[in-house]
Amino acid sequence: MNDTCDLAGKRCRPCEGGIPPLDDGAASDLLATLPGWTRDGPRIAKTYPFANHYEAMAFVNAVAWVSHCEDHHPDLAVGYRDVRVSYTTHAIGGLSDNDFICAAKIEKLLVL
């Protein structure tokens, strides 16, 4: 069973606050299913390298589509040939399942 695929098959749930962020153990377990993603305090992040700016921008547009469909939006830092994607759930001041679900969906964008 591939945990990344399991996460990618889930849907984000609306989060307006009132629930606690994931504890460190749960966040670490989910993070372990996402190759190359790291934890930075209340965020998870990964930098994706590309051959050129056009490919980087195409990836940004694909990430925007995932964000729109899931109604959960990352912070993006776009460089000439790389894109850093980071997720946190602002409404709870930390990580939620939604962050890991979206990260898994982003991972699937680049699977050929």
PDB file of N, CA and C in Angstrom:
ATOM      1  N   MET A   1       0.845  -1.181   0.000  1.00  0.00           N
ATOM      2  CA  MET A   1       0.000   0.000   0.000  1.00  0.00           C
ATOM      3  C   MET A   1       0.888   1.240   0.000  1.00  0.00           C
ATOM      4  N   ASN A   2       0.627   2.161  -0.895  1.00  0.00           N
ATOM      5  CA  ASN A   2       1.395   3.391  -1.001  1.00  0.00           C
ATOM      6  C   ASN A   2       0.655   4.501  -0.276  1.00  0.00           C
ATOM      7  N   ASP A   3       1.224   4.995   0.827  1.00  0.00           N
ATOM      8  CA  ASP A   3       0.552   5.998   1.636  1.00  0.00           C
ATOM      9  C   ASP A   3       0.352   7.321   0.907  1.00  0.00           C
ATOM     10  N   THR A   4       1.303   7.678   0.017  1.00  0.00           N
ATOM     11  CA  THR A   4       1.136   8.914  -0.749  1.00  0.00           C
ATOM     12  C   THR A   4      -0.103   8.820  -1.616  1.00  0.00           C
ATOM     13  N   CYS A   5      -0.303   7.670  -2.271  1.00  0.00           N
ATOM     14  CA  CYS A   5      -1.495   7.482  -3.095  1.00  0.00           C
ATOM     15  C   CYS A   5      -2.755   7.522  -2.245  1.00  0.00           C
ATOM     16  N   ASP A   6      -2.690   6.938  -1.042  1.00  0.00           N
ATOM     17  CA  ASP A   6      -3.852   6.974  -0.157  1.00  0.00           C
ATOM     18  C   ASP A   6      -4.213   8.406   0.204  1.00  0.00           C
ATOM     19  N   LEU A   7      -3.214   9.208   0.561  1.00  0.00           N
ATOM     20  CA  LEU A   7      -3.469  10.610   0.878  1.00  0.00           C
ATOM     21  C   LEU A   7      -4.010  11.358  -0.335  1.00  0.00           C
ATOM     22  N   ALA A   8      -3.427  11.118  -1.496  1.00  0.00           N
ATOM     23  CA  ALA A   8      -3.827  11.831  -2.711  1.00  0.00           C
ATOM     24  C   ALA A   8      -5.260  11.499  -3.108  1.00  0.00           C
ATOM     25  N   GLY A   9      -5.762  10.363  -2.664  1.00  0.00           N
ATOM     26  CA  GLY A   9      -7.131   9.973  -2.981  1.00  0.00           C
ATOM     27  C   GLY A   9      -8.168  10.597  -2.064  1.00  0.00           C
ATOM     28  N   LYS A  10      -7.719  11.284  -1.034  1.00  0.00           N
ATOM     29  CA  LYS A  10      -8.643  11.928  -0.098  1.00  0.00           C
ATOM     30  C   LYS A  10      -8.980  13.334  -0.565  1.00  0.00           C
ATOM     31  N   ARG A  11     -10.001  13.901   0.049  1.00  0.00           N
ATOM     32  CA  ARG A  11     -10.408  15.281  -0.223  1.00  0.00           C
ATOM     33  C   ARG A  11     -10.219  16.117   1.029  1.00  0.00           C
ATOM     34  N   CYS A  12      -9.875  17.377   0.832  1.00  0.00           N
ATOM     35  CA  CYS A  12      -9.756  18.302   1.954  1.00  0.00           C
ATOM     36  C   CYS A  12     -11.137  18.595   2.528  1.00  0.00           C
ATOM     37  N   ARG A  13     -11.158  18.809   3.838  1.00  0.00           N
ATOM     38  CA  ARG A  13     -12.389  19.200   4.519  1.00  0.00           C
ATOM     39  C   ARG A  13     -12.255  20.655   4.948  1.00  0.00           C
ATOM     40  N   PRO A  14     -13.331  21.409   4.888  1.00  0.00           N
ATOM     41  CA  PRO A  14     -13.257  22.808   5.319  1.00  0.00           C
ATOM     42  C   PRO A  14     -12.743  22.903   6.756  1.00  0.00           C
ATOM     43  N   CYS A  15     -11.891  23.867   7.009  1.00  0.00           N
ATOM     44  CA  CYS A  15     -11.330  24.069   8.344  1.00  0.00           C
ATOM     45  C   CYS A  15     -11.413  25.547   8.678  1.00  0.00           C
ATOM     46  N   GLU A  16     -12.293  25.881   9.571  1.00  0.00           N
ATOM     47  CA  GLU A  16     -12.470  27.273   9.983  1.00  0.00           C
ATOM     48  C   GLU A  16     -11.941  27.520  11.387  1.00  0.00           C
ATOM     49  N   GLY A  17     -11.124  26.585  11.884  1.00  0.00           N
ATOM     50  CA  GLY A  17     -10.585  26.735  13.225  1.00  0.00           C
ATOM     51  C   GLY A  17     -11.388  25.916  14.219  1.00  0.00           C
ATOM     52  N   GLY A  18     -11.026  26.057  15.481  1.00  0.00           N
ATOM     53  CA  GLY A  18     -11.742  25.347  16.527  1.00  0.00           C
ATOM     54  C   GLY A  18     -11.268  23.918  16.747  1.00  0.00           C
ATOM     55  N   ILE A  19     -10.274  23.471  15.977  1.00  0.00           N
ATOM     56  CA  ILE A  19      -9.689  22.154  16.186  1.00  0.00           C
ATOM     57  C   ILE A  19      -8.190  22.341  16.396  1.00  0.00           C
ATOM     58  N   PRO A  20      -7.567  21.436  17.112  1.00  0.00           N
ATOM     59  CA  PRO A  20      -6.119  21.591  17.322  1.00  0.00           C
ATOM     60  C   PRO A  20      -5.345  21.150  16.091  1.00  0.00           C
ATOM     61  N   PRO A  21      -4.132  21.696  15.899  1.00  0.00           N
ATOM     62  CA  PRO A  21      -3.272  21.192  14.828  1.00  0.00           C
ATOM     63  C   PRO A  21      -2.871  19.748  15.133  1.00  0.00           C
ATOM     64  N   LEU A  22      -2.400  19.059  14.117  1.00  0.00           N
ATOM     65  CA  LEU A  22      -1.899  17.701  14.312  1.00  0.00           C
ATOM     66  C   LEU A  22      -0.754  17.719  15.318  1.00  0.00           C
ATOM     67  N   ASP A  23      -0.680  16.686  16.150  1.00  0.00           N
ATOM     68  CA  ASP A  23       0.440  16.608  17.080  1.00  0.00           C
ATOM     69  C   ASP A  23       1.696  16.178  16.317  1.00  0.00           C
ATOM     70  N   ASP A  24       2.845  16.311  16.956  1.00  0.00           N
ATOM     71  CA  ASP A  24       4.115  16.033  16.292  1.00  0.00           C
ATOM     72  C   ASP A  24       4.193  14.607  15.749  1.00  0.00           C
ATOM     73  N   GLY A  25       3.674  13.638  16.492  1.00  0.00           N
ATOM     74  CA  GLY A  25       3.726  12.250  16.052  1.00  0.00           C
ATOM     75  C   GLY A  25       2.920  12.017  14.790  1.00  0.00           C
ATOM     76  N   ALA A  26       1.696  12.517  14.761  1.00  0.00           N
ATOM     77  CA  ALA A  26       0.837  12.351  13.583  1.00  0.00           C
ATOM     78  C   ALA A  26       1.435  13.080  12.386  1.00  0.00           C
ATOM     79  N   ALA A  27       1.943  14.288  12.607  1.00  0.00           N
ATOM     80  CA  ALA A  27       2.557  15.054  11.512  1.00  0.00           C
ATOM     81  C   ALA A  27       3.784  14.327  10.972  1.00  0.00           C
ATOM     82  N   SER A  28       4.611  13.775  11.865  1.00  0.00           N
ATOM     83  CA  SER A  28       5.810  13.041  11.431  1.00  0.00           C
ATOM     84  C   SER A  28       5.446  11.802  10.639  1.00  0.00           C
ATOM     85  N   ASP A  29       4.427  11.081  11.070  1.00  0.00           N
ATOM     86  CA  ASP A  29       3.984   9.884  10.349  1.00  0.00           C
ATOM     87  C   ASP A  29       3.516  10.234   8.938  1.00  0.00           C
ATOM     88  N   LEU A  30       2.739  11.286   8.804  1.00  0.00           N
ATOM     89  CA  LEU A  30       2.256  11.696   7.482  1.00  0.00           C
ATOM     90  C   LEU A  30       3.398  12.225   6.625  1.00  0.00           C
ATOM     91  N   LEU A  31       4.296  12.983   7.230  1.00  0.00           N
ATOM     92  CA  LEU A  31       5.431  13.540   6.493  1.00  0.00           C
ATOM     93  C   LEU A  31       6.302  12.430   5.911  1.00  0.00           C
ATOM     94  N   ALA A  32       6.412  11.340   6.616  1.00  0.00           N
ATOM     95  CA  ALA A  32       7.237  10.211   6.151  1.00  0.00           C
ATOM     96  C   ALA A  32       6.717   9.600   4.850  1.00  0.00           C
ATOM     97  N   THR A  33       5.472   9.868   4.502  1.00  0.00           N
ATOM     98  CA  THR A  33       4.901   9.335   3.260  1.00  0.00           C
ATOM     99  C   THR A  33       5.145  10.246   2.068  1.00  0.00           C
ATOM    100  N   LEU A  34       5.756  11.406   2.305  1.00  0.00           N
ATOM    101  CA  LEU A  34       5.934  12.415   1.252  1.00  0.00           C
ATOM    102  C   LEU A  34       7.422  12.625   0.974  1.00  0.00           C
ATOM    103  N   PRO A  35       7.974  11.966  -0.035  1.00  0.00           N
ATOM    104  CA  PRO A  35       9.408  12.068  -0.324  1.00  0.00           C
ATOM    105  C   PRO A  35       9.843  13.518  -0.599  1.00  0.00           C
ATOM    106  N   GLY A  36      10.902  13.934   0.092  1.00  0.00           N
ATOM    107  CA  GLY A  36      11.478  15.252  -0.161  1.00  0.00           C
ATOM    108  C   GLY A  36      10.814  16.393   0.579  1.00  0.00           C
ATOM    109  N   TRP A  37       9.678  16.155   1.202  1.00  0.00           N
ATOM    110  CA  TRP A  37       9.017  17.202   1.972  1.00  0.00           C
ATOM    111  C   TRP A  37       9.656  17.268   3.350  1.00  0.00           C
ATOM    112  N   THR A  38       9.785  18.491   3.874  1.00  0.00           N
ATOM    113  CA  THR A  38      10.368  18.689   5.187  1.00  0.00           C
ATOM    114  C   THR A  38       9.422  19.518   6.041  1.00  0.00           C
ATOM    115  N   ARG A  39       9.642  19.442   7.325  1.00  0.00           N
ATOM    116  CA  ARG A  39       8.834  20.233   8.248  1.00  0.00           C
ATOM    117  C   ARG A  39       9.628  21.453   8.675  1.00  0.00           C
ATOM    118  N   ASP A  40       8.962  22.589   8.666  1.00  0.00           N
ATOM    119  CA  ASP A  40       9.566  23.843   9.105  1.00  0.00           C
ATOM    120  C   ASP A  40       8.577  24.491  10.064  1.00  0.00           C
ATOM    121  N   GLY A  41       8.641  24.095  11.340  1.00  0.00           N
ATOM    122  CA  GLY A  41       7.695  24.611  12.329  1.00  0.00           C
ATOM    123  C   GLY A  41       6.285  24.186  11.990  1.00  0.00           C
ATOM    124  N   PRO A  42       5.384  25.165  11.801  1.00  0.00           N
ATOM    125  CA  PRO A  42       3.990  24.837  11.525  1.00  0.00           C
ATOM    126  C   PRO A  42       3.707  24.590  10.033  1.00  0.00           C
ATOM    127  N   ARG A  43       4.759  24.355   9.249  1.00  0.00           N
ATOM    128  CA  ARG A  43       4.616  24.179   7.793  1.00  0.00           C
ATOM    129  C   ARG A  43       5.295  22.906   7.336  1.00  0.00           C
ATOM    130  N   ILE A  44       4.861  22.433   6.174  1.00  0.00           N
ATOM    131  CA  ILE A  44       5.620  21.433   5.428  1.00  0.00           C
ATOM    132  C   ILE A  44       5.960  22.077   4.092  1.00  0.00           C
ATOM    133  N   ALA A  45       7.114  21.713   3.535  1.00  0.00           N
ATOM    134  CA  ALA A  45       7.567  22.385   2.307  1.00  0.00           C
ATOM    135  C   ALA A  45       8.448  21.469   1.478  1.00  0.00           C
ATOM    136  N   LYS A  46       8.483  21.786   0.188  1.00  0.00           N
ATOM    137  CA  LYS A  46       9.374  21.094  -0.748  1.00  0.00           C
ATOM    138  C   LYS A  46       9.692  22.055  -1.882  1.00  0.00           C
ATOM    139  N   THR A  47      10.953  22.004  -2.350  1.00  0.00           N
ATOM    140  CA  THR A  47      11.365  22.779  -3.518  1.00  0.00           C
ATOM    141  C   THR A  47      11.508  21.830  -4.696  1.00  0.00           C
ATOM    142  N   TYR A  48      10.841  22.162  -5.787  1.00  0.00           N
ATOM    143  CA  TYR A  48      10.859  21.366  -7.007  1.00  0.00           C
ATOM    144  C   TYR A  48      11.734  22.044  -8.052  1.00  0.00           C
ATOM    145  N   PRO A  49      12.750  21.354  -8.569  1.00  0.00           N
ATOM    146  CA  PRO A  49      13.592  21.928  -9.631  1.00  0.00           C
ATOM    147  C   PRO A  49      13.004  21.609 -11.011  1.00  0.00           C
ATOM    148  N   PHE A  50      13.231  22.509 -11.957  1.00  0.00           N
ATOM    149  CA  PHE A  50      12.757  22.316 -13.327  1.00  0.00           C
ATOM    150  C   PHE A  50      13.855  22.683 -14.314  1.00  0.00           C
ATOM    151  N   ALA A  51      13.698  22.262 -15.546  1.00  0.00           N
ATOM    152  CA  ALA A  51      14.699  22.506 -16.585  1.00  0.00           C
ATOM    153  C   ALA A  51      14.720  23.972 -17.032  1.00  0.00           C
ATOM    154  N   ASN A  52      13.564  24.646 -16.894  1.00  0.00           N
ATOM    155  CA  ASN A  52      13.484  26.025 -17.365  1.00  0.00           C
ATOM    156  C   ASN A  52      12.302  26.736 -16.699  1.00  0.00           C
ATOM    157  N   HIS A  53      12.193  28.006 -16.972  1.00  0.00           N
ATOM    158  CA  HIS A  53      11.135  28.817 -16.351  1.00  0.00           C
ATOM    159  C   HIS A  53       9.753  28.406 -16.841  1.00  0.00           C
ATOM    160  N   TYR A  54       9.646  28.035 -18.097  1.00  0.00           N
ATOM    161  CA  TYR A  54       8.347  27.619 -18.642  1.00  0.00           C
ATOM    162  C   TYR A  54       7.805  26.422 -17.873  1.00  0.00           C
ATOM    163  N   GLU A  55       8.650  25.419 -17.617  1.00  0.00           N
ATOM    164  CA  GLU A  55       8.213  24.237 -16.866  1.00  0.00           C
ATOM    165  C   GLU A  55       7.835  24.610 -15.433  1.00  0.00           C
ATOM    166  N   ALA A  56       8.601  25.502 -14.830  1.00  0.00           N
ATOM    167  CA  ALA A  56       8.279  25.947 -13.471  1.00  0.00           C
ATOM    168  C   ALA A  56       6.904  26.612 -13.437  1.00  0.00           C
ATOM    169  N   MET A  57       6.626  27.454 -14.421  1.00  0.00           N
ATOM    170  CA  MET A  57       5.337  28.148 -14.456  1.00  0.00           C
ATOM    171  C   MET A  57       4.187  27.194 -14.767  1.00  0.00           C
ATOM    172  N   ALA A  58       4.425  26.203 -15.594  1.00  0.00           N
ATOM    173  CA  ALA A  58       3.393  25.196 -15.866  1.00  0.00           C
ATOM    174  C   ALA A  58       3.048  24.451 -14.577  1.00  0.00           C
ATOM    175  N   PHE A  59       4.070  24.133 -13.779  1.00  0.00           N
ATOM    176  CA  PHE A  59       3.857  23.479 -12.499  1.00  0.00           C
ATOM    177  C   PHE A  59       3.044  24.378 -11.565  1.00  0.00           C
ATOM    178  N   VAL A  60       3.377  25.663 -11.516  1.00  0.00           N
ATOM    179  CA  VAL A  60       2.626  26.609 -10.677  1.00  0.00           C
ATOM    180  C   VAL A  60       1.156  26.597 -11.068  1.00  0.00           C
ATOM    181  N   ASN A  61       0.869  26.593 -12.352  1.00  0.00           N
ATOM    182  CA  ASN A  61      -0.530  26.564 -12.798  1.00  0.00           C
ATOM    183  C   ASN A  61      -1.221  25.270 -12.406  1.00  0.00           C
ATOM    184  N   ALA A  62      -0.507  24.148 -12.450  1.00  0.00           N
ATOM    185  CA  ALA A  62      -1.089  22.877 -12.025  1.00  0.00           C
ATOM    186  C   ALA A  62      -1.357  22.889 -10.518  1.00  0.00           C
ATOM    187  N   VAL A  63      -0.432  23.460  -9.748  1.00  0.00           N
ATOM    188  CA  VAL A  63      -0.638  23.586  -8.298  1.00  0.00           C
ATOM    189  C   VAL A  63      -1.859  24.470  -8.031  1.00  0.00           C
ATOM    190  N   ALA A  64      -2.020  25.524  -8.799  1.00  0.00           N
ATOM    191  CA  ALA A  64      -3.173  26.413  -8.635  1.00  0.00           C
ATOM    192  C   ALA A  64      -4.476  25.659  -8.877  1.00  0.00           C
ATOM    193  N   TRP A  65      -4.486  24.748  -9.828  1.00  0.00           N
ATOM    194  CA  TRP A  65      -5.695  23.960 -10.105  1.00  0.00           C
ATOM    195  C   TRP A  65      -6.013  23.046  -8.911  1.00  0.00           C
ATOM    196  N   VAL A  66      -4.997  22.381  -8.365  1.00  0.00           N
ATOM    197  CA  VAL A  66      -5.205  21.535  -7.177  1.00  0.00           C
ATOM    198  C   VAL A  66      -5.758  22.391  -6.040  1.00  0.00           C
ATOM    199  N   SER A  67      -5.166  23.553  -5.835  1.00  0.00           N
ATOM    200  CA  SER A  67      -5.607  24.462  -4.772  1.00  0.00           C
ATOM    201  C   SER A  67      -7.062  24.857  -4.948  1.00  0.00           C
ATOM    202  N   HIS A  68      -7.427  25.160  -6.163  1.00  0.00           N
ATOM    203  CA  HIS A  68      -8.806  25.547  -6.460  1.00  0.00           C
ATOM    204  C   HIS A  68      -9.759  24.390  -6.175  1.00  0.00           C
ATOM    205  N   CYS A  69      -9.407  23.212  -6.633  1.00  0.00           N
ATOM    206  CA  CYS A  69     -10.274  22.036  -6.448  1.00  0.00           C
ATOM    207  C   CYS A  69     -10.427  21.658  -4.981  1.00  0.00           C
ATOM    208  N   GLU A  70      -9.377  21.797  -4.200  1.00  0.00           N
ATOM    209  CA  GLU A  70      -9.401  21.398  -2.788  1.00  0.00           C
ATOM    210  C   GLU A  70      -9.748  22.550  -1.851  1.00  0.00           C
ATOM    211  N   ASP A  71      -9.761  23.772  -2.360  1.00  0.00           N
ATOM    212  CA  ASP A  71      -9.989  24.967  -1.548  1.00  0.00           C
ATOM    213  C   ASP A  71      -9.025  25.020  -0.361  1.00  0.00           C
ATOM    214  N   HIS A  72      -7.772  24.689  -0.660  1.00  0.00           N
ATOM    215  CA  HIS A  72      -6.699  24.757   0.337  1.00  0.00           C
ATOM    216  C   HIS A  72      -5.456  25.217  -0.414  1.00  0.00           C
ATOM    217  N   HIS A  73      -4.888  26.328  -0.009  1.00  0.00           N
ATOM    218  CA  HIS A  73      -3.908  27.028  -0.834  1.00  0.00           C
ATOM    219  C   HIS A  73      -2.535  27.087  -0.182  1.00  0.00           C
ATOM    220  N   PRO A  74      -1.490  26.777  -0.962  1.00  0.00           N
ATOM    221  CA  PRO A  74      -0.130  26.837  -0.438  1.00  0.00           C
ATOM    222  C   PRO A  74       0.464  28.227  -0.606  1.00  0.00           C
ATOM    223  N   ASP A  75       1.592  28.432   0.036  1.00  0.00           N
ATOM    224  CA  ASP A  75       2.448  29.565  -0.293  1.00  0.00           C
ATOM    225  C   ASP A  75       3.419  29.055  -1.344  1.00  0.00           C
ATOM    226  N   LEU A  76       3.639  29.853  -2.378  1.00  0.00           N
ATOM    227  CA  LEU A  76       4.538  29.482  -3.468  1.00  0.00           C
ATOM    228  C   LEU A  76       5.639  30.520  -3.592  1.00  0.00           C
ATOM    229  N   ALA A  77       6.870  30.044  -3.759  1.00  0.00           N
ATOM    230  CA  ALA A  77       7.998  30.919  -4.062  1.00  0.00           C
ATOM    231  C   ALA A  77       8.535  30.454  -5.407  1.00  0.00           C
ATOM    232  N   VAL A  78       8.387  31.304  -6.417  1.00  0.00           N
ATOM    233  CA  VAL A  78       8.738  30.925  -7.785  1.00  0.00           C
ATOM    234  C   VAL A  78      10.076  31.535  -8.162  1.00  0.00           C
ATOM    235  N   GLY A  79      11.002  30.685  -8.555  1.00  0.00           N
ATOM    236  CA  GLY A  79      12.295  31.130  -9.042  1.00  0.00           C
ATOM    237  C   GLY A  79      12.382  30.905 -10.535  1.00  0.00           C
ATOM    238  N   TYR A  80      13.532  31.155 -11.070  1.00  0.00           N
ATOM    239  CA  TYR A  80      13.737  30.990 -12.506  1.00  0.00           C
ATOM    240  C   TYR A  80      13.501  29.539 -12.937  1.00  0.00           C
ATOM    241  N   ARG A  81      14.066  28.584 -12.186  1.00  0.00           N
ATOM    242  CA  ARG A  81      13.907  27.173 -12.532  1.00  0.00           C
ATOM    243  C   ARG A  81      13.536  26.319 -11.327  1.00  0.00           C
ATOM    244  N   ASP A  82      12.875  26.913 -10.342  1.00  0.00           N
ATOM    245  CA  ASP A  82      12.409  26.109  -9.221  1.00  0.00           C
ATOM    246  C   ASP A  82      11.179  26.750  -8.587  1.00  0.00           C
ATOM    247  N   VAL A  83      10.447  25.911  -7.861  1.00  0.00           N
ATOM    248  CA  VAL A  83       9.248  26.370  -7.166  1.00  0.00           C
ATOM    249  C   VAL A  83       9.246  25.730  -5.788  1.00  0.00           C
ATOM    250  N   ARG A  84       9.144  26.564  -4.764  1.00  0.00           N
ATOM    251  CA  ARG A  84       9.008  26.048  -3.404  1.00  0.00           C
ATOM    252  C   ARG A  84       7.530  26.127  -3.019  1.00  0.00           C
ATOM    253  N   VAL A  85       7.002  24.985  -2.591  1.00  0.00           N
ATOM    254  CA  VAL A  85       5.604  24.876  -2.179  1.00  0.00           C
ATOM    255  C   VAL A  85       5.599  24.646  -0.674  1.00  0.00           C
ATOM    256  N   SER A  86       4.820  25.423   0.061  1.00  0.00           N
ATOM    257  CA  SER A  86       4.695  25.173   1.498  1.00  0.00           C
ATOM    258  C   SER A  86       3.228  25.266   1.913  1.00  0.00           C
ATOM    259  N   TYR A  87       2.877  24.384   2.826  1.00  0.00           N
ATOM    260  CA  TYR A  87       1.503  24.308   3.331  1.00  0.00           C
ATOM    261  C   TYR A  87       1.479  24.460   4.839  1.00  0.00           C
ATOM    262  N   THR A  88       0.460  25.137   5.314  1.00  0.00           N
ATOM    263  CA  THR A  88       0.071  25.191   6.712  1.00  0.00           C
ATOM    264  C   THR A  88      -1.419  25.504   6.717  1.00  0.00           C
ATOM    265  N   THR A  89      -2.076  25.227   7.812  1.00  0.00           N
ATOM    266  CA  THR A  89      -3.493  25.575   7.928  1.00  0.00           C
ATOM    267  C   THR A  89      -3.588  26.779   8.850  1.00  0.00           C
ATOM    268  N   HIS A  90      -3.732  27.944   8.248  1.00  0.00           N
ATOM    269  CA  HIS A  90      -3.709  29.205   8.989  1.00  0.00           C
ATOM    270  C   HIS A  90      -4.798  29.262  10.060  1.00  0.00           C
ATOM    271  N   ALA A  91      -5.970  28.705   9.778  1.00  0.00           N
ATOM    272  CA  ALA A  91      -7.097  28.801  10.711  1.00  0.00           C
ATOM    273  C   ALA A  91      -6.819  28.129  12.050  1.00  0.00           C
ATOM    274  N   ILE A  92      -5.869  27.173  12.069  1.00  0.00           N
ATOM    275  CA  ILE A  92      -5.567  26.487  13.331  1.00  0.00           C
ATOM    276  C   ILE A  92      -4.127  26.734  13.789  1.00  0.00           C
ATOM    277  N   GLY A  93      -3.383  27.510  13.023  1.00  0.00           N
ATOM    278  CA  GLY A  93      -2.014  27.847  13.403  1.00  0.00           C
ATOM    279  C   GLY A  93      -1.058  26.675  13.375  1.00  0.00           C
ATOM    280  N   GLY A  94      -1.277  25.756  12.461  1.00  0.00           N
ATOM    281  CA  GLY A  94      -0.400  24.588  12.364  1.00  0.00           C
ATOM    282  C   GLY A  94      -0.824  23.678  11.245  1.00  0.00           C
ATOM    283  N   LEU A  95      -0.454  22.420  11.369  1.00  0.00           N
ATOM    284  CA  LEU A  95      -0.701  21.449  10.309  1.00  0.00           C
ATOM    285  C   LEU A  95      -2.000  20.689  10.525  1.00  0.00           C
ATOM    286  N   SER A  96      -2.708  20.457   9.411  1.00  0.00           N
ATOM    287  CA  SER A  96      -3.918  19.631   9.417  1.00  0.00           C
ATOM    288  C   SER A  96      -3.759  18.553   8.346  1.00  0.00           C
ATOM    289  N   ASP A  97      -4.679  17.618   8.334  1.00  0.00           N
ATOM    290  CA  ASP A  97      -4.681  16.603   7.281  1.00  0.00           C
ATOM    291  C   ASP A  97      -4.695  17.247   5.901  1.00  0.00           C
ATOM    292  N   ASN A  98      -5.368  18.376   5.762  1.00  0.00           N
ATOM    293  CA  ASN A  98      -5.471  19.048   4.462  1.00  0.00           C
ATOM    294  C   ASN A  98      -4.099  19.365   3.867  1.00  0.00           C
ATOM    295  N   ASP A  99      -3.149  19.751   4.705  1.00  0.00           N
ATOM    296  CA  ASP A  99      -1.813  20.091   4.220  1.00  0.00           C
ATOM    297  C   ASP A  99      -1.153  18.875   3.577  1.00  0.00           C
ATOM    298  N   PHE A 100      -1.291  17.724   4.193  1.00  0.00           N
ATOM    299  CA  PHE A 100      -0.671  16.505   3.701  1.00  0.00           C
ATOM    300  C   PHE A 100      -1.419  15.948   2.490  1.00  0.00           C
ATOM    301  N   ILE A 101      -2.738  16.089   2.474  1.00  0.00           N
ATOM    302  CA  ILE A 101      -3.528  15.659   1.316  1.00  0.00           C
ATOM    303  C   ILE A 101      -3.102  16.456   0.085  1.00  0.00           C
ATOM    304  N   CYS A 102      -3.005  17.768   0.225  1.00  0.00           N
ATOM    305  CA  CYS A 102      -2.609  18.595  -0.923  1.00  0.00           C
ATOM    306  C   CYS A 102      -1.171  18.315  -1.344  1.00  0.00           C
ATOM    307  N   ALA A 103      -0.272  18.130  -0.402  1.00  0.00           N
ATOM    308  CA  ALA A 103       1.117  17.808  -0.743  1.00  0.00           C
ATOM    309  C   ALA A 103       1.168  16.505  -1.538  1.00  0.00           C
ATOM    310  N   ALA A 104       0.380  15.515  -1.143  1.00  0.00           N
ATOM    311  CA  ALA A 104       0.346  14.240  -1.876  1.00  0.00           C
ATOM    312  C   ALA A 104      -0.199  14.436  -3.282  1.00  0.00           C
ATOM    313  N   LYS A 105      -1.192  15.281  -3.437  1.00  0.00           N
ATOM    314  CA  LYS A 105      -1.740  15.566  -4.768  1.00  0.00           C
ATOM    315  C   LYS A 105      -0.695  16.270  -5.640  1.00  0.00           C
ATOM    316  N   ILE A 106       0.094  17.168  -5.042  1.00  0.00           N
ATOM    317  CA  ILE A 106       1.156  17.853  -5.778  1.00  0.00           C
ATOM    318  C   ILE A 106       2.197  16.831  -6.239  1.00  0.00           C
ATOM    319  N   GLU A 107       2.545  15.886  -5.362  1.00  0.00           N
ATOM    320  CA  GLU A 107       3.504  14.837  -5.739  1.00  0.00           C
ATOM    321  C   GLU A 107       3.030  14.067  -6.959  1.00  0.00           C
ATOM    322  N   LYS A 108       1.752  13.804  -7.036  1.00  0.00           N
ATOM    323  CA  LYS A 108       1.208  13.030  -8.153  1.00  0.00           C
ATOM    324  C   LYS A 108       1.238  13.802  -9.475  1.00  0.00           C
ATOM    325  N   LEU A 109       1.357  15.120  -9.412  1.00  0.00           N
ATOM    326  CA  LEU A 109       1.430  15.911 -10.643  1.00  0.00           C
ATOM    327  C   LEU A 109       2.663  15.541 -11.465  1.00  0.00           C
ATOM    328  N   LEU A 110       3.723  15.133 -10.797  1.00  0.00           N
ATOM    329  CA  LEU A 110       4.992  14.905 -11.486  1.00  0.00           C
ATOM    330  C   LEU A 110       5.287  13.432 -11.750  1.00  0.00           C
ATOM    331  N   VAL A 111       4.331  12.556 -11.446  1.00  0.00           N
ATOM    332  CA  VAL A 111       4.527  11.135 -11.709  1.00  0.00           C
ATOM    333  C   VAL A 111       4.198  10.857 -13.169  1.00  0.00           C
ATOM    334  N   LEU A 112       5.139  10.255 -13.856  1.00  0.00           N
ATOM    335  CA  LEU A 112       4.912   9.955 -15.276  1.00  0.00           C
ATOM    336  C   LEU A 112       4.552   8.517 -15.467  1.00  0.00           C
TER     337      LEU A 112
END
